[in-house]
């Protein structure tokens, strides 16, 4: 039986604000990607692949503030 460990973190106000900003940016990116894929399907009956989505996301760096602060693995 594998062991699991749970740790409670107590971030400072500055760290909590940074975490919240990261989460908010990730939420915006996810919702915008979902909207893009849904609109492509509804309008053109075209399915957007994962790789096409990643190419489209690179064009959003100017549109979404803080996107350059999000880790690249999260965007993948």
Protein backbone atom coordinates (compact mmCIF):
# COMPACT_ATOMS: atom_id res chain seq x y z
CA UNK A 1 0.00 0.00 0.00
CA UNK A 2 1.58 3.31 -1.07
CA UNK A 3 2.03 6.00 1.53
CA UNK A 4 0.78 9.48 0.95
CA UNK A 5 1.78 12.65 2.71
CA UNK A 6 -0.25 15.81 2.97
CA UNK A 7 1.37 19.10 3.80
CA UNK A 8 -0.39 22.30 4.62
CA UNK A 9 1.27 25.41 3.28
CA UNK A 10 0.98 28.83 4.80
CA UNK A 11 1.91 31.35 2.12
CA UNK A 12 2.56 34.97 2.90
CA UNK A 13 0.20 37.59 1.49
CA UNK A 14 2.60 38.27 -1.37
CA UNK A 15 2.90 34.57 -2.21
CA UNK A 16 -0.87 34.07 -1.98
CA UNK A 17 -1.43 36.99 -4.35
CA UNK A 18 1.11 35.54 -6.83
CA UNK A 19 -0.57 32.12 -6.67
CA UNK A 20 -3.98 33.69 -7.21
CA UNK A 21 -2.72 35.65 -10.22
CA UNK A 22 -1.22 32.49 -11.74
CA UNK A 23 -4.46 30.59 -11.21
CA UNK A 24 -6.53 33.41 -12.72
CA UNK A 25 -4.28 33.58 -15.78
CA UNK A 26 -4.49 29.81 -16.25
CA UNK A 27 -8.26 29.98 -15.97
CA UNK A 28 -8.46 32.70 -18.63
CA UNK A 29 -6.22 30.73 -20.98
CA UNK A 30 -8.20 27.53 -20.50
CA UNK A 31 -11.53 29.26 -21.10
CA UNK A 32 -10.24 31.12 -24.17
CA UNK A 33 -8.87 27.87 -25.63
CA UNK A 34 -12.15 26.11 -24.98
CA UNK A 35 -14.07 28.96 -26.59
CA UNK A 36 -11.80 28.87 -29.66
CA UNK A 37 -12.20 25.13 -30.10
CA UNK A 38 -15.97 25.30 -29.58
CA UNK A 39 -16.43 28.17 -32.04
CA UNK A 40 -14.34 26.37 -34.66
CA UNK A 41 -16.59 23.34 -34.35
CA UNK A 42 -19.87 25.27 -34.37
CA UNK A 43 -18.91 27.61 -37.22
CA UNK A 44 -16.86 25.36 -39.51
CA UNK A 45 -17.37 21.81 -38.18
CA UNK A 46 -13.58 21.75 -37.77
CA UNK A 47 -11.84 20.06 -34.88
CA UNK A 48 -8.75 21.84 -33.56
CA UNK A 49 -5.98 19.52 -32.44
CA UNK A 50 -3.79 19.91 -29.39
CA UNK A 51 -0.87 21.14 -31.49
CA UNK A 52 -3.00 23.70 -33.31
CA UNK A 53 -4.28 24.93 -29.93
CA UNK A 54 -0.71 25.36 -28.71
CA UNK A 55 0.19 27.34 -31.84
CA UNK A 56 -2.82 29.60 -31.31
CA UNK A 57 -1.90 30.14 -27.65
CA UNK A 58 1.47 31.60 -28.61
CA UNK A 59 -0.32 34.49 -30.32
CA UNK A 60 -2.15 35.43 -27.14
CA UNK A 61 0.91 36.64 -25.21
CA UNK A 62 0.06 40.25 -26.04
CA UNK A 63 -3.65 39.83 -25.31
CA UNK A 64 -3.48 38.15 -21.91
CA UNK A 65 -1.40 40.00 -19.32
CA UNK A 66 0.73 37.78 -17.15
CA UNK A 67 0.76 34.92 -19.63
CA UNK A 68 4.54 35.07 -19.82
CA UNK A 69 4.71 34.42 -16.05
CA UNK A 70 2.89 31.08 -16.29
CA UNK A 71 5.10 28.01 -16.48
CA UNK A 72 5.32 26.50 -19.96
CA UNK A 73 4.35 23.04 -18.71
CA UNK A 74 1.04 24.43 -17.47
CA UNK A 75 0.27 25.82 -20.91
CA UNK A 76 0.94 22.46 -22.51
